[in-house]
C-alpha atoms as a PDB file:
ATOM      1  CA  UNK A   1     -79.777 -47.633  92.301  1.00  0.00           C
ATOM      2  CA  UNK A   2     -79.651 -44.044  91.118  1.00  0.00           C
ATOM      3  CA  UNK A   3     -79.730 -45.266  87.506  1.00  0.00           C
ATOM      4  CA  UNK A   4     -83.077 -46.949  88.158  1.00  0.00           C
ATOM      5  CA  UNK A   5     -84.544 -43.698  89.462  1.00  0.00           C
ATOM      6  CA  UNK A   6     -83.374 -41.897  86.345  1.00  0.00           C
ATOM      7  CA  UNK A   7     -84.921 -44.544  84.082  1.00  0.00           C
ATOM      8  CA  UNK A   8     -88.263 -44.531  85.907  1.00  0.00           C
ATOM      9  CA  UNK A   9     -88.536 -40.737  86.184  1.00  0.00           C
ATOM     10  CA  UNK A  10     -91.815 -39.658  84.538  1.00  0.00           C
ATOM     11  CA  UNK A  11     -92.937 -43.244  84.029  1.00  0.00           C
ATOM     12  CA  UNK A  12     -96.022 -44.944  85.479  1.00  0.00           C
ATOM     13  CA  UNK A  13     -94.431 -47.772  87.474  1.00  0.00           C
ATOM     14  CA  UNK A  14     -96.048 -50.817  89.050  1.00  0.00           C
ATOM     15  CA  UNK A  15     -99.695 -51.045  90.153  1.00  0.00           C
ATOM     16  CA  UNK A  16    -102.265 -53.752  90.918  1.00  0.00           C
ATOM     17  CA  UNK A  17    -102.985 -54.477  87.246  1.00  0.00           C
ATOM     18  CA  UNK A  18     -99.279 -54.923  86.557  1.00  0.00           C
ATOM     19  CA  UNK A  19     -99.048 -57.370  89.454  1.00  0.00           C
ATOM     20  CA  UNK A  20    -102.065 -59.255  88.092  1.00  0.00           C
ATOM     21  CA  UNK A  21    -100.439 -59.425  84.649  1.00  0.00           C
ATOM     22  CA  UNK A  22     -97.242 -60.756  86.218  1.00  0.00           C
ATOM     23  CA  UNK A  23     -99.304 -63.347  88.097  1.00  0.00           C
ATOM     24  CA  UNK A  24    -101.033 -64.280  84.842  1.00  0.00           C
ATOM     25  CA  UNK A  25     -97.617 -64.628  83.223  1.00  0.00           C
ATOM     26  CA  UNK A  26     -96.429 -66.941  85.999  1.00  0.00           C
ATOM     27  CA  UNK A  27     -99.534 -69.146  85.820  1.00  0.00           C
ATOM     28  CA  UNK A  28     -99.415 -69.341  82.023  1.00  0.00           C
ATOM     29  CA  UNK A  29     -95.679 -70.109  82.120  1.00  0.00           C
ATOM     30  CA  UNK A  30     -96.154 -72.963  84.596  1.00  0.00           C
ATOM     31  CA  UNK A  31     -99.032 -74.330  82.522  1.00  0.00           C
ATOM     32  CA  UNK A  32     -96.929 -74.085  79.352  1.00  0.00           C
ATOM     33  CA  UNK A  33     -94.230 -76.180  81.036  1.00  0.00           C
ATOM     34  CA  UNK A  34     -96.788 -78.896  81.738  1.00  0.00           C
ATOM     35  CA  UNK A  35     -98.857 -78.812  78.530  1.00  0.00           C
ATOM     36  CA  UNK A  36     -96.223 -77.595  76.000  1.00  0.00           C
ATOM     37  CA  UNK A  37     -98.620 -75.505  73.948  1.00  0.00           C
ATOM     38  CA  UNK A  38     -97.703 -72.587  71.700  1.00  0.00           C
ATOM     39  CA  UNK A  39    -100.873 -70.744  72.714  1.00  0.00           C
ATOM     40  CA  UNK A  40     -99.826 -70.719  76.368  1.00  0.00           C
ATOM     41  CA  UNK A  41     -96.397 -69.393  75.400  1.00  0.00           C
ATOM     42  CA  UNK A  42     -98.095 -66.639  73.425  1.00  0.00           C
ATOM     43  CA  UNK A  43    -100.243 -65.748  76.448  1.00  0.00           C
ATOM     44  CA  UNK A  44     -97.068 -65.689  78.603  1.00  0.00           C
ATOM     45  CA  UNK A  45     -95.352 -63.348  76.222  1.00  0.00           C
ATOM     46  CA  UNK A  46     -98.366 -61.048  75.896  1.00  0.00           C
ATOM     47  CA  UNK A  47     -98.793 -60.792  79.681  1.00  0.00           C
ATOM     48  CA  UNK A  48     -95.126 -59.983  80.169  1.00  0.00           C
ATOM     49  CA  UNK A  49     -94.960 -57.435  77.344  1.00  0.00           C
ATOM     50  CA  UNK A  50     -98.152 -55.715  78.482  1.00  0.00           C
ATOM     51  CA  UNK A  51     -96.933 -55.553  82.099  1.00  0.00           C
ATOM     52  CA  UNK A  52     -93.620 -53.984  81.085  1.00  0.00           C
ATOM     53  CA  UNK A  53     -95.336 -51.623  78.648  1.00  0.00           C
ATOM     54  CA  UNK A  54     -97.561 -50.395  81.479  1.00  0.00           C
ATOM     55  CA  UNK A  55     -94.629 -49.996  83.883  1.00  0.00           C
ATOM     56  CA  UNK A  56     -92.515 -47.944  81.472  1.00  0.00           C
ATOM     57  CA  UNK A  57     -95.372 -45.923  79.982  1.00  0.00           C
ATOM     58  CA  UNK A  58     -95.308 -42.127  80.199  1.00  0.00           C
ATOM     59  CA  UNK A  59     -99.105 -41.877  79.772  1.00  0.00           C
ATOM     60  CA  UNK A  60     -99.793 -41.823  83.481  1.00  0.00           C
ATOM     61  CA  UNK A  61    -103.462 -40.809  83.348  1.00  0.00           C
ATOM     62  CA  UNK A  62    -104.369 -43.564  80.878  1.00  0.00           C
ATOM     63  CA  UNK A  63    -102.605 -46.210  82.965  1.00  0.00           C
ATOM     64  CA  UNK A  64    -104.300 -44.941  86.114  1.00  0.00           C
ATOM     65  CA  UNK A  65    -107.714 -45.132  84.396  1.00  0.00           C
ATOM     66  CA  UNK A  66    -106.959 -48.709  83.267  1.00  0.00           C
ATOM     67  CA  UNK A  67    -105.996 -49.659  86.813  1.00  0.00           C
ATOM     68  CA  UNK A  68    -109.179 -48.069  88.202  1.00  0.00           C
ATOM     69  CA  UNK A  69    -111.318 -50.079  85.768  1.00  0.00           C
ATOM     70  CA  UNK A  70    -109.449 -53.249  86.768  1.00  0.00           C
ATOM     71  CA  UNK A  71    -109.965 -52.555  90.476  1.00  0.00           C
ATOM     72  CA  UNK A  72    -113.656 -51.861  89.879  1.00  0.00           C
ATOM     73  CA  UNK A  73    -113.995 -55.161  88.012  1.00  0.00           C
ATOM     74  CA  UNK A  74    -112.365 -57.276  90.731  1.00  0.00           C
ATOM     75  CA  UNK A  75    -113.939 -55.460  93.692  1.00  0.00           C
ATOM     76  CA  UNK A  76    -116.757 -58.050  94.165  1.00  0.00           C
ATOM     77  CA  UNK A  77    -114.210 -60.872  94.164  1.00  0.00           C
ATOM     78  CA  UNK A  78    -111.994 -59.107  96.708  1.00  0.00           C
ATOM     79  CA  UNK A  79    -114.996 -58.304  98.917  1.00  0.00           C
ATOM     80  CA  UNK A  80    -116.192 -61.933  98.750  1.00  0.00           C
ATOM     81  CA  UNK A  81    -112.713 -63.188  99.722  1.00  0.00           C
ATOM     82  CA  UNK A  82    -112.404 -60.736 102.628  1.00  0.00           C
ATOM     83  CA  UNK A  83    -115.835 -61.689 103.999  1.00  0.00           C
ATOM     84  CA  UNK A  84    -114.991 -65.403 103.805  1.00  0.00           C
ATOM     85  CA  UNK A  85    -111.644 -64.821 105.526  1.00  0.00           C
ATOM     86  CA  UNK A  86    -113.283 -62.782 108.286  1.00  0.00           C
ATOM     87  CA  UNK A  87    -115.930 -65.454 108.900  1.00  0.00           C
ATOM     88  CA  UNK A  88    -113.360 -68.222 108.934  1.00  0.00           C
ATOM     89  CA  UNK A  89    -111.272 -66.416 111.563  1.00  0.00           C
ATOM     90  CA  UNK A  90    -114.254 -65.387 113.724  1.00  0.00           C
ATOM     91  CA  UNK A  91    -114.729 -68.167 116.272  1.00  0.00           C
ATOM     92  CA  UNK A  92    -117.084 -66.217 118.564  1.00  0.00           C
ATOM     93  CA  UNK A  93    -119.968 -65.547 116.175  1.00  0.00           C
ATOM     94  CA  UNK A  94    -122.217 -67.385 113.734  1.00  0.00           C
ATOM     95  CA  UNK A  95    -123.492 -65.787 110.543  1.00  0.00           C
ATOM     96  CA  UNK A  96    -126.826 -66.134 108.779  1.00  0.00           C
ATOM     97  CA  UNK A  97    -129.107 -64.271 106.362  1.00  0.00           C
ATOM     98  CA  UNK A  98    -132.387 -62.569 107.079  1.00  0.00           C
ATOM     99  CA  UNK A  99    -135.144 -64.643 105.412  1.00  0.00           C
ATOM    100  CA  UNK A 100    -137.030 -61.473 104.477  1.00  0.00           C
ATOM    101  CA  UNK A 101    -134.396 -59.196 102.890  1.00  0.00           C
ATOM    102  CA  UNK A 102    -131.223 -61.328 102.692  1.00  0.00           C
ATOM    103  CA  UNK A 103    -129.161 -59.037 104.941  1.00  0.00           C
ATOM    104  CA  UNK A 104    -126.152 -60.751 106.538  1.00  0.00           C
ATOM    105  CA  UNK A 105    -126.514 -60.938 110.325  1.00  0.00           C
ATOM    106  CA  UNK A 106    -124.167 -62.003 113.099  1.00  0.00           C
ATOM    107  CA  UNK A 107    -124.954 -63.447 116.526  1.00  0.00           C
ATOM    108  CA  UNK A 108    -122.765 -64.750 119.368  1.00  0.00           C
ATOM    109  CA  UNK A 109    -122.234 -68.502 119.434  1.00  0.00           C
ATOM    110  CA  UNK A 110    -123.408 -70.712 122.275  1.00  0.00           C
ATOM    111  CA  UNK A 111    -126.600 -68.836 123.186  1.00  0.00           C
ATOM    112  CA  UNK A 112    -128.972 -71.574 122.023  1.00  0.00           C
ATOM    113  CA  UNK A 113    -132.106 -70.550 120.160  1.00  0.00           C
ATOM    114  CA  UNK A 114    -132.433 -66.768 120.061  1.00  0.00           C
ATOM    115  CA  UNK A 115    -134.883 -64.301 118.556  1.00  0.00           C
ATOM    116  CA  UNK A 116    -133.166 -62.041 116.028  1.00  0.00           C
ATOM    117  CA  UNK A 117    -134.486 -58.762 114.650  1.00  0.00           C
ATOM    118  CA  UNK A 118    -133.082 -57.625 111.315  1.00  0.00           C
ATOM    119  CA  UNK A 119    -131.740 -54.071 111.401  1.00  0.00           C
ATOM    120  CA  UNK A 120    -132.578 -53.265 107.808  1.00  0.00           C
ATOM    121  CA  UNK A 121    -136.145 -54.589 107.439  1.00  0.00           C
ATOM    122  CA  UNK A 122    -137.253 -55.131 111.073  1.00  0.00           C
ATOM    123  CA  UNK A 123    -138.285 -58.770 110.574  1.00  0.00           C
ATOM    124  CA  UNK A 124    -138.039 -61.021 113.642  1.00  0.00           C
ATOM    125  CA  UNK A 125    -137.155 -64.700 113.432  1.00  0.00           C
ATOM    126  CA  UNK A 126    -135.586 -67.429 115.560  1.00  0.00           C
ATOM    127  CA  UNK A 127    -132.144 -68.799 114.875  1.00  0.00           C
ATOM    128  CA  UNK A 128    -129.969 -71.419 116.563  1.00  0.00           C
ATOM    129  CA  UNK A 129    -126.477 -70.217 117.486  1.00  0.00           C
END
């Protein structure tokens, strides 16, 4: 294992973009097994080469900037997934939007019809929980 440390010394290593490229490689590889297309094989090869290039690169600041741009681009998708997961696991509350400003609001389930006041705009409305 000491040889691996010596090889990777001063190199960038693995980050979220590298993992995404590896995932893209895996998906493209599985699709190329099903559809037998040369374009999918090319995409597989490009994903794999780019992932390894990033891992073994000595230009650490450039790779970090690329990863930051990638994380900024997928942030809305990650936030959407986390909100959906939280709502799916929350059995004690119901969620709804304020009709005035669109703010997401939460209320306890099983209270019947309640009057809700939005914290951001102050609008009051009735909602069934």
